[in-house]
C-alpha atoms as a PDB file:
ATOM      1  CA  UNK A   1     -17.621-134.494   2.417  1.00  0.00           C
ATOM      2  CA  UNK A   2     -14.572-134.205   4.668  1.00  0.00           C
ATOM      3  CA  UNK A   3     -14.832-132.837   8.182  1.00  0.00           C
ATOM      4  CA  UNK A   4     -11.990-132.298  10.631  1.00  0.00           C
ATOM      5  CA  UNK A   5     -14.025-133.812  13.429  1.00  0.00           C
ATOM      6  CA  UNK A   6     -13.952-137.114  15.295  1.00  0.00           C
ATOM      7  CA  UNK A   7     -17.351-138.476  16.274  1.00  0.00           C
ATOM      8  CA  UNK A   8     -18.729-140.079  19.403  1.00  0.00           C
ATOM      9  CA  UNK A   9     -22.261-141.443  19.283  1.00  0.00           C
ATOM     10  CA  UNK A  10     -24.209-141.135  22.540  1.00  0.00           C
ATOM     11  CA  UNK A  11     -26.913-143.795  22.868  1.00  0.00           C
ATOM     12  CA  UNK A  12     -29.477-144.713  25.486  1.00  0.00           C
ATOM     13  CA  UNK A  13     -33.218-144.838  26.133  1.00  0.00           C
ATOM     14  CA  UNK A  14     -35.269-141.626  26.189  1.00  0.00           C
ATOM     15  CA  UNK A  15     -34.650-139.293  29.155  1.00  0.00           C
ATOM     16  CA  UNK A  16     -31.642-141.096  30.639  1.00  0.00           C
ATOM     17  CA  UNK A  17     -29.671-137.843  30.759  1.00  0.00           C
ATOM     18  CA  UNK A  18     -27.755-137.912  27.469  1.00  0.00           C
ATOM     19  CA  UNK A  19     -28.040-134.161  26.914  1.00  0.00           C
ATOM     20  CA  UNK A  20     -27.287-133.295  30.547  1.00  0.00           C
ATOM     21  CA  UNK A  21     -24.174-135.458  30.690  1.00  0.00           C
ATOM     22  CA  UNK A  22     -22.991-134.180  27.304  1.00  0.00           C
ATOM     23  CA  UNK A  23     -23.344-130.674  28.748  1.00  0.00           C
ATOM     24  CA  UNK A  24     -21.008-131.659  31.589  1.00  0.00           C
ATOM     25  CA  UNK A  25     -18.531-133.115  29.077  1.00  0.00           C
ATOM     26  CA  UNK A  26     -18.431-129.810  27.165  1.00  0.00           C
ATOM     27  CA  UNK A  27     -17.446-128.032  30.366  1.00  0.00           C
ATOM     28  CA  UNK A  28     -14.631-130.465  31.109  1.00  0.00           C
ATOM     29  CA  UNK A  29     -13.189-131.506  27.733  1.00  0.00           C
ATOM     30  CA  UNK A  30     -12.500-130.050  24.273  1.00  0.00           C
ATOM     31  CA  UNK A  31     -15.697-131.454  22.753  1.00  0.00           C
ATOM     32  CA  UNK A  32     -18.737-130.116  20.953  1.00  0.00           C
ATOM     33  CA  UNK A  33     -22.260-131.476  21.357  1.00  0.00           C
ATOM     34  CA  UNK A  34     -25.084-131.906  18.882  1.00  0.00           C
ATOM     35  CA  UNK A  35     -28.456-133.200  20.044  1.00  0.00           C
ATOM     36  CA  UNK A  36     -30.205-134.706  17.022  1.00  0.00           C
ATOM     37  CA  UNK A  37     -33.557-134.245  18.794  1.00  0.00           C
ATOM     38  CA  UNK A  38     -32.888-130.508  19.230  1.00  0.00           C
ATOM     39  CA  UNK A  39     -31.798-130.198  15.595  1.00  0.00           C
ATOM     40  CA  UNK A  40     -35.023-131.843  14.428  1.00  0.00           C
ATOM     41  CA  UNK A  41     -37.187-129.677  16.700  1.00  0.00           C
ATOM     42  CA  UNK A  42     -35.614-126.582  15.084  1.00  0.00           C
ATOM     43  CA  UNK A  43     -36.286-128.045  11.629  1.00  0.00           C
ATOM     44  CA  UNK A  44     -39.948-128.483  12.558  1.00  0.00           C
ATOM     45  CA  UNK A  45     -40.139-124.915  13.892  1.00  0.00           C
ATOM     46  CA  UNK A  46     -38.761-123.601  10.581  1.00  0.00           C
ATOM     47  CA  UNK A  47     -41.543-125.356   8.581  1.00  0.00           C
ATOM     48  CA  UNK A  48     -39.009-126.288   5.873  1.00  0.00           C
ATOM     49  CA  UNK A  49     -39.499-130.066   6.045  1.00  0.00           C
ATOM     50  CA  UNK A  50     -43.203-130.999   6.328  1.00  0.00           C
ATOM     51  CA  UNK A  51     -42.522-134.744   6.045  1.00  0.00           C
ATOM     52  CA  UNK A  52     -40.115-134.608   9.012  1.00  0.00           C
ATOM     53  CA  UNK A  53     -42.712-132.620  10.948  1.00  0.00           C
ATOM     54  CA  UNK A  54     -45.306-135.339  10.316  1.00  0.00           C
ATOM     55  CA  UNK A  55     -42.931-138.116  11.365  1.00  0.00           C
ATOM     56  CA  UNK A  56     -41.923-136.322  14.565  1.00  0.00           C
ATOM     57  CA  UNK A  57     -45.571-135.667  15.434  1.00  0.00           C
ATOM     58  CA  UNK A  58     -46.088-139.440  15.333  1.00  0.00           C
ATOM     59  CA  UNK A  59     -42.704-140.099  16.995  1.00  0.00           C
ATOM     60  CA  UNK A  60     -41.577-142.068  13.926  1.00  0.00           C
ATOM     61  CA  UNK A  61     -37.978-142.591  12.839  1.00  0.00           C
ATOM     62  CA  UNK A  62     -36.619-140.258  10.168  1.00  0.00           C
ATOM     63  CA  UNK A  63     -35.152-142.112   7.208  1.00  0.00           C
ATOM     64  CA  UNK A  64     -31.439-141.560   6.468  1.00  0.00           C
ATOM     65  CA  UNK A  65     -32.123-139.857   3.116  1.00  0.00           C
ATOM     66  CA  UNK A  66     -33.952-137.038   4.907  1.00  0.00           C
ATOM     67  CA  UNK A  67     -31.857-136.923   8.080  1.00  0.00           C
ATOM     68  CA  UNK A  68     -28.273-137.065   6.750  1.00  0.00           C
ATOM     69  CA  UNK A  69     -28.332-133.821   4.706  1.00  0.00           C
ATOM     70  CA  UNK A  70     -29.610-131.928   7.763  1.00  0.00           C
ATOM     71  CA  UNK A  71     -26.954-133.415  10.039  1.00  0.00           C
ATOM     72  CA  UNK A  72     -24.181-132.787   7.506  1.00  0.00           C
ATOM     73  CA  UNK A  73     -25.138-129.106   7.288  1.00  0.00           C
ATOM     74  CA  UNK A  74     -25.034-128.765  11.081  1.00  0.00           C
ATOM     75  CA  UNK A  75     -21.742-130.641  11.319  1.00  0.00           C
ATOM     76  CA  UNK A  76     -20.186-128.408   8.635  1.00  0.00           C
ATOM     77  CA  UNK A  77     -21.169-125.363  10.688  1.00  0.00           C
ATOM     78  CA  UNK A  78     -19.681-126.945  13.831  1.00  0.00           C
ATOM     79  CA  UNK A  79     -16.498-127.872  11.975  1.00  0.00           C
ATOM     80  CA  UNK A  80     -15.895-124.205  11.165  1.00  0.00           C
ATOM     81  CA  UNK A  81     -17.153-122.801  14.457  1.00  0.00           C
ATOM     82  CA  UNK A  82     -14.616-124.036  16.997  1.00  0.00           C
ATOM     83  CA  UNK A  83     -11.243-125.273  15.698  1.00  0.00           C
ATOM     84  CA  UNK A  84     -10.098-126.075  19.237  1.00  0.00           C
ATOM     85  CA  UNK A  85     -12.889-128.598  19.765  1.00  0.00           C
ATOM     86  CA  UNK A  86     -12.366-131.390  17.247  1.00  0.00           C
ATOM     87  CA  UNK A  87     -14.483-134.086  18.959  1.00  0.00           C
ATOM     88  CA  UNK A  88     -18.246-134.062  18.333  1.00  0.00           C
ATOM     89  CA  UNK A  89     -20.689-135.824  20.659  1.00  0.00           C
ATOM     90  CA  UNK A  90     -23.766-136.765  18.616  1.00  0.00           C
ATOM     91  CA  UNK A  91     -26.502-137.354  21.146  1.00  0.00           C
ATOM     92  CA  UNK A  92     -29.447-139.610  20.305  1.00  0.00           C
ATOM     93  CA  UNK A  93     -27.939-140.961  17.095  1.00  0.00           C
ATOM     94  CA  UNK A  94     -28.223-143.334  15.378  1.00  0.00           C
ATOM     95  CA  UNK A  95     -31.751-144.426  16.208  1.00  0.00           C
ATOM     96  CA  UNK A  96     -31.712-147.150  13.567  1.00  0.00           C
ATOM     97  CA  UNK A  97     -29.054-149.363  12.021  1.00  0.00           C
ATOM     98  CA  UNK A  98     -29.770-147.751   8.635  1.00  0.00           C
ATOM     99  CA  UNK A  99     -29.045-144.268  10.020  1.00  0.00           C
ATOM    100  CA  UNK A 100     -25.677-145.423  11.366  1.00  0.00           C
ATOM    101  CA  UNK A 101     -24.741-147.140   8.101  1.00  0.00           C
ATOM    102  CA  UNK A 102     -25.667-144.055   6.064  1.00  0.00           C
ATOM    103  CA  UNK A 103     -23.609-141.802   8.349  1.00  0.00           C
ATOM    104  CA  UNK A 104     -20.535-144.002   7.932  1.00  0.00           C
ATOM    105  CA  UNK A 105     -21.014-144.260   4.167  1.00  0.00           C
ATOM    106  CA  UNK A 106     -21.168-140.481   3.741  1.00  0.00           C
ATOM    107  CA  UNK A 107     -18.876-139.321   6.548  1.00  0.00           C
ATOM    108  CA  UNK A 108     -16.854-141.607   8.825  1.00  0.00           C
ATOM    109  CA  UNK A 109     -17.271-144.227  11.546  1.00  0.00           C
ATOM    110  CA  UNK A 110     -17.506-143.110  15.179  1.00  0.00           C
ATOM    111  CA  UNK A 111     -14.366-143.402  17.273  1.00  0.00           C
ATOM    112  CA  UNK A 112     -16.363-144.332  20.390  1.00  0.00           C
ATOM    113  CA  UNK A 113     -19.964-145.063  21.368  1.00  0.00           C
ATOM    114  CA  UNK A 114     -21.141-144.040  24.836  1.00  0.00           C
ATOM    115  CA  UNK A 115     -24.020-146.289  25.840  1.00  0.00           C
ATOM    116  CA  UNK A 116     -26.004-144.970  28.800  1.00  0.00           C
ATOM    117  CA  UNK A 117     -27.853-147.676  30.728  1.00  0.00           C
ATOM    118  CA  UNK A 118     -30.765-146.833  32.991  1.00  0.00           C
ATOM    119  CA  UNK A 119     -33.634-148.665  34.686  1.00  0.00           C
ATOM    120  CA  UNK A 120     -36.863-148.174  32.731  1.00  0.00           C
ATOM    121  CA  UNK A 121     -38.795-146.711  35.660  1.00  0.00           C
ATOM    122  CA  UNK A 122     -36.057-144.169  36.392  1.00  0.00           C
ATOM    123  CA  UNK A 123     -36.105-143.140  32.718  1.00  0.00           C
ATOM    124  CA  UNK A 124     -39.925-142.918  32.779  1.00  0.00           C
ATOM    125  CA  UNK A 125     -39.870-140.555  35.779  1.00  0.00           C
ATOM    126  CA  UNK A 126     -37.250-138.328  34.132  1.00  0.00           C
ATOM    127  CA  UNK A 127     -39.216-138.325  30.876  1.00  0.00           C
ATOM    128  CA  UNK A 128     -42.453-137.242  32.547  1.00  0.00           C
ATOM    129  CA  UNK A 129     -40.722-134.731  34.850  1.00  0.00           C
ATOM    130  CA  UNK A 130     -39.214-132.761  31.968  1.00  0.00           C
ATOM    131  CA  UNK A 131     -42.734-131.869  30.669  1.00  0.00           C
ATOM    132  CA  UNK A 132     -41.707-131.387  27.037  1.00  0.00           C
ATOM    133  CA  UNK A 133     -44.476-130.843  24.477  1.00  0.00           C
ATOM    134  CA  UNK A 134     -46.682-133.891  24.080  1.00  0.00           C
ATOM    135  CA  UNK A 135     -44.558-136.153  26.274  1.00  0.00           C
ATOM    136  CA  UNK A 136     -46.784-138.404  28.339  1.00  0.00           C
ATOM    137  CA  UNK A 137     -46.730-141.982  29.592  1.00  0.00           C
ATOM    138  CA  UNK A 138     -48.072-143.413  26.317  1.00  0.00           C
ATOM    139  CA  UNK A 139     -45.412-141.553  24.337  1.00  0.00           C
ATOM    140  CA  UNK A 140     -42.711-142.757  26.717  1.00  0.00           C
ATOM    141  CA  UNK A 141     -43.845-146.367  26.190  1.00  0.00           C
ATOM    142  CA  UNK A 142     -43.784-145.868  22.407  1.00  0.00           C
ATOM    143  CA  UNK A 143     -40.297-144.300  22.456  1.00  0.00           C
ATOM    144  CA  UNK A 144     -38.914-146.852  24.911  1.00  0.00           C
ATOM    145  CA  UNK A 145     -40.331-149.761  22.899  1.00  0.00           C
ATOM    146  CA  UNK A 146     -38.799-148.312  19.728  1.00  0.00           C
ATOM    147  CA  UNK A 147     -35.459-147.959  21.512  1.00  0.00           C
ATOM    148  CA  UNK A 148     -35.591-151.599  22.633  1.00  0.00           C
ATOM    149  CA  UNK A 149     -36.524-152.793  19.128  1.00  0.00           C
ATOM    150  CA  UNK A 150     -33.838-150.799  17.306  1.00  0.00           C
ATOM    151  CA  UNK A 151     -31.233-150.439  20.056  1.00  0.00           C
ATOM    152  CA  UNK A 152     -30.116-154.037  20.290  1.00  0.00           C
ATOM    153  CA  UNK A 153     -29.144-154.216  16.617  1.00  0.00           C
ATOM    154  CA  UNK A 154     -27.351-150.846  16.766  1.00  0.00           C
ATOM    155  CA  UNK A 155     -25.456-151.731  19.950  1.00  0.00           C
ATOM    156  CA  UNK A 156     -24.448-155.109  18.523  1.00  0.00           C
ATOM    157  CA  UNK A 157     -22.787-153.477  15.494  1.00  0.00           C
ATOM    158  CA  UNK A 158     -20.586-151.251  17.648  1.00  0.00           C
ATOM    159  CA  UNK A 159     -19.924-153.835  20.356  1.00  0.00           C
ATOM    160  CA  UNK A 160     -18.511-156.217  17.742  1.00  0.00           C
ATOM    161  CA  UNK A 161     -16.123-153.462  16.675  1.00  0.00           C
ATOM    162  CA  UNK A 162     -14.998-152.752  20.248  1.00  0.00           C
ATOM    163  CA  UNK A 163     -16.367-149.201  20.256  1.00  0.00           C
ATOM    164  CA  UNK A 164     -18.877-149.316  23.128  1.00  0.00           C
ATOM    165  CA  UNK A 165     -18.322-147.868  26.594  1.00  0.00           C
ATOM    166  CA  UNK A 166     -21.277-148.695  28.854  1.00  0.00           C
ATOM    167  CA  UNK A 167     -22.135-146.213  31.587  1.00  0.00           C
ATOM    168  CA  UNK A 168     -24.730-146.809  34.308  1.00  0.00           C
ATOM    169  CA  UNK A 169     -26.756-143.600  34.811  1.00  0.00           C
ATOM    170  CA  UNK A 170     -29.593-144.640  37.148  1.00  0.00           C
ATOM    171  CA  UNK A 171     -28.277-142.466  39.962  1.00  0.00           C
ATOM    172  CA  UNK A 172     -28.538-138.731  40.628  1.00  0.00           C
ATOM    173  CA  UNK A 173     -26.888-136.724  37.870  1.00  0.00           C
ATOM    174  CA  UNK A 174     -23.739-135.777  39.811  1.00  0.00           C
ATOM    175  CA  UNK A 175     -23.141-139.400  40.765  1.00  0.00           C
ATOM    176  CA  UNK A 176     -23.706-140.491  37.167  1.00  0.00           C
ATOM    177  CA  UNK A 177     -21.295-137.750  36.077  1.00  0.00           C
ATOM    178  CA  UNK A 178     -18.628-138.990  38.488  1.00  0.00           C
ATOM    179  CA  UNK A 179     -19.133-142.521  37.188  1.00  0.00           C
ATOM    180  CA  UNK A 180     -18.803-141.331  33.576  1.00  0.00           C
ATOM    181  CA  UNK A 181     -15.631-139.334  34.304  1.00  0.00           C
ATOM    182  CA  UNK A 182     -14.009-142.280  36.073  1.00  0.00           C
ATOM    183  CA  UNK A 183     -14.739-144.602  33.147  1.00  0.00           C
ATOM    184  CA  UNK A 184     -13.489-142.091  30.582  1.00  0.00           C
ATOM    185  CA  UNK A 185     -10.263-141.459  32.507  1.00  0.00           C
ATOM    186  CA  UNK A 186      -9.414-145.153  32.123  1.00  0.00           C
ATOM    187  CA  UNK A 187     -10.560-145.501  28.507  1.00  0.00           C
ATOM    188  CA  UNK A 188      -7.782-145.451  25.903  1.00  0.00           C
ATOM    189  CA  UNK A 189     -10.219-144.841  23.026  1.00  0.00           C
ATOM    190  CA  UNK A 190     -11.436-141.651  24.722  1.00  0.00           C
ATOM    191  CA  UNK A 191      -7.996-140.474  25.826  1.00  0.00           C
ATOM    192  CA  UNK A 192      -6.492-140.997  22.346  1.00  0.00           C
ATOM    193  CA  UNK A 193      -8.922-138.384  20.964  1.00  0.00           C
ATOM    194  CA  UNK A 194      -7.206-135.645  22.952  1.00  0.00           C
ATOM    195  CA  UNK A 195      -3.561-136.470  22.296  1.00  0.00           C
ATOM    196  CA  UNK A 196      -1.981-133.871  20.027  1.00  0.00           C
END
């Protein structure tokens, strides 16, 4: 499958502001944004994938064999939708090393990985404040623990390849946004995506 898109993975613990900051990036740059969490919530609502529904109910990771076909369909739609926006931010992906490897095997490697860093207690407050579905303190602990367990291995893969841009996002969203913009303005990997 060939897509005319370049990919940026957006990683970080739950509720650090990945979706919010990606929304700001859409307003400022020629990028598209896909939240894998939002995609999966729509899949659950459609009742087409009962096994994914069960895994999400338990906050378990989706295996690449189930996840990749869904993502590829969404990316194909995005590829056709906006020919002016050839950079796709994939938010909340990969959540395991296996997911990242499968994506690269079937599509292409990311050009950049944005890694949002945030103090755990700040992330916890944001997580609980958003009041989404069954989100509670126990679920936050489960998600955060999973992120810590899987995240280190994922980050290591991309750090070794020189793809990671770390961004501190503990502060209020506008301050975090300023910080992100300043880092991106100086980053050759980011800037090279927009040279025609």
